[in-house]
Amino acid sequence: MKIKVVAHPNARMPRVERDLLDMMHVYIPEPPREGRANKAVIEALAEYFQVKKSEVALLSGHKSKIKLFEIASTNVV
């Protein structure tokens, strides 16, 4: 399953939300430096979808707020 995510680094309260257009918004406290924010988004998505971190792959948007992820697990709802 592929999903588009809008990353919000430096957030006070970490959370994952869906908006009305079914876009995922991931708020993380990490800064967007040296890949720390991308790792935090992967961890947040893995927890949200209840899969392993290794099953979440960043396909595009490594240096952008809008990112494309693939969730490899077959049991994702």
C-alpha atoms as a PDB file:
ATOM      1  CA  MET A   1       0.000   0.000   0.000  1.00  0.00           C
ATOM      2  CA  LYS A   2       1.357   3.442  -0.942  1.00  0.00           C
ATOM      3  CA  ILE A   3       0.424   6.545   1.024  1.00  0.00           C
ATOM      4  CA  LYS A   4       1.240  10.240   0.754  1.00  0.00           C
ATOM      5  CA  VAL A   5       2.336  11.855   3.989  1.00  0.00           C
ATOM      6  CA  VAL A   6       2.834  15.469   4.999  1.00  0.00           C
ATOM      7  CA  ALA A   7       5.612  15.636   7.597  1.00  0.00           C
ATOM      8  CA  HIS A   8       5.479  18.303  10.299  1.00  0.00           C
ATOM      9  CA  PRO A   9       8.884  18.369  12.061  1.00  0.00           C
ATOM     10  CA  ASN A  10       9.566  20.236  15.309  1.00  0.00           C
ATOM     11  CA  ALA A  11       6.028  19.568  16.567  1.00  0.00           C
ATOM     12  CA  ARG A  12       5.316  19.847  20.263  1.00  0.00           C
ATOM     13  CA  MET A  13       3.027  16.827  20.430  1.00  0.00           C
ATOM     14  CA  PRO A  14       3.771  13.784  18.214  1.00  0.00           C
ATOM     15  CA  ARG A  15       0.712  12.363  16.457  1.00  0.00           C
ATOM     16  CA  VAL A  16      -0.621  10.902  13.207  1.00  0.00           C
ATOM     17  CA  GLU A  17      -3.810  12.291  11.667  1.00  0.00           C
ATOM     18  CA  ARG A  18      -5.817  11.933   8.460  1.00  0.00           C
ATOM     19  CA  ASP A  19      -7.453  14.979   6.904  1.00  0.00           C
ATOM     20  CA  LEU A  20     -10.714  15.145   4.956  1.00  0.00           C
ATOM     21  CA  LEU A  21      -8.931  14.369   1.686  1.00  0.00           C
ATOM     22  CA  ASP A  22      -7.463  11.176   3.226  1.00  0.00           C
ATOM     23  CA  MET A  23      -3.952  12.648   3.379  1.00  0.00           C
ATOM     24  CA  MET A  24      -1.820  11.535   6.325  1.00  0.00           C
ATOM     25  CA  HIS A  25      -0.217  14.211   8.511  1.00  0.00           C
ATOM     26  CA  VAL A  26       2.593  13.074  10.803  1.00  0.00           C
ATOM     27  CA  TYR A  27       3.700  15.467  13.539  1.00  0.00           C
ATOM     28  CA  ILE A  28       7.105  14.640  15.022  1.00  0.00           C
ATOM     29  CA  PRO A  29       9.344  16.454  17.521  1.00  0.00           C
ATOM     30  CA  GLU A  30      12.590  15.759  15.605  1.00  0.00           C
ATOM     31  CA  PRO A  31      14.192  18.465  13.442  1.00  0.00           C
ATOM     32  CA  PRO A  32      14.542  17.962   9.684  1.00  0.00           C
ATOM     33  CA  ARG A  33      18.302  17.387   9.839  1.00  0.00           C
ATOM     34  CA  GLU A  34      20.442  14.402   8.830  1.00  0.00           C
ATOM     35  CA  GLY A  35      17.434  12.162   8.200  1.00  0.00           C
ATOM     36  CA  ARG A  36      16.229  12.265  11.809  1.00  0.00           C
ATOM     37  CA  ALA A  37      12.757  13.449  10.824  1.00  0.00           C
ATOM     38  CA  ASN A  38      12.411  10.754   8.159  1.00  0.00           C
ATOM     39  CA  LYS A  39      13.325   8.056  10.693  1.00  0.00           C
ATOM     40  CA  ALA A  40      10.806   9.463  13.157  1.00  0.00           C
ATOM     41  CA  VAL A  41       8.063   9.485  10.497  1.00  0.00           C
ATOM     42  CA  ILE A  42       8.828   5.844   9.681  1.00  0.00           C
ATOM     43  CA  GLU A  43       8.585   4.941  13.375  1.00  0.00           C
ATOM     44  CA  ALA A  44       5.299   6.830  13.748  1.00  0.00           C
ATOM     45  CA  LEU A  45       3.767   5.177  10.671  1.00  0.00           C
ATOM     46  CA  ALA A  46       4.904   1.725  11.804  1.00  0.00           C
ATOM     47  CA  GLU A  47       3.240   2.275  15.168  1.00  0.00           C
ATOM     48  CA  TYR A  48       0.077   3.719  13.580  1.00  0.00           C
ATOM     49  CA  PHE A  49      -0.352   0.802  11.135  1.00  0.00           C
ATOM     50  CA  GLN A  50       0.958  -1.740  13.686  1.00  0.00           C
ATOM     51  CA  VAL A  51       3.709  -3.095  11.443  1.00  0.00           C
ATOM     52  CA  LYS A  52       7.478  -3.430  11.793  1.00  0.00           C
ATOM     53  CA  LYS A  53       9.652  -0.445  10.937  1.00  0.00           C
ATOM     54  CA  SER A  54      11.325  -2.525   8.233  1.00  0.00           C
ATOM     55  CA  GLU A  55       7.957  -2.809   6.440  1.00  0.00           C
ATOM     56  CA  VAL A  56       7.720   0.978   5.983  1.00  0.00           C
ATOM     57  CA  ALA A  57       9.799   2.352   3.097  1.00  0.00           C
ATOM     58  CA  LEU A  58      10.308   5.952   2.027  1.00  0.00           C
ATOM     59  CA  LEU A  59       9.972   6.009  -1.763  1.00  0.00           C
ATOM     60  CA  SER A  60      10.265   9.732  -2.510  1.00  0.00           C
ATOM     61  CA  GLY A  61      10.399  13.097  -0.777  1.00  0.00           C
ATOM     62  CA  HIS A  62      13.553  12.602   1.268  1.00  0.00           C
ATOM     63  CA  LYS A  63      14.050  16.379   1.543  1.00  0.00           C
ATOM     64  CA  SER A  64      10.433  17.481   1.145  1.00  0.00           C
ATOM     65  CA  LYS A  65       7.503  17.864   3.517  1.00  0.00           C
ATOM     66  CA  ILE A  66       5.323  15.756   1.214  1.00  0.00           C
ATOM     67  CA  LYS A  67       6.600  12.185   1.135  1.00  0.00           C
ATOM     68  CA  LEU A  68       5.539   8.920  -0.474  1.00  0.00           C
ATOM     69  CA  PHE A  69       5.743   5.792   1.665  1.00  0.00           C
ATOM     70  CA  GLU A  70       5.066   2.152   0.964  1.00  0.00           C
ATOM     71  CA  ILE A  71       3.716  -0.134   3.661  1.00  0.00           C
ATOM     72  CA  ALA A  72       4.792  -3.678   2.709  1.00  0.00           C
ATOM     73  CA  SER A  73       2.611  -5.655   5.106  1.00  0.00           C
ATOM     74  CA  THR A  74      -0.454  -7.420   3.728  1.00  0.00           C
ATOM     75  CA  ASN A  75      -2.493  -7.076   6.936  1.00  0.00           C
ATOM     76  CA  VAL A  76      -2.716  -3.251   6.889  1.00  0.00           C
ATOM     77  CA  VAL A  77      -6.257  -1.898   7.047  1.00  0.00           C
END
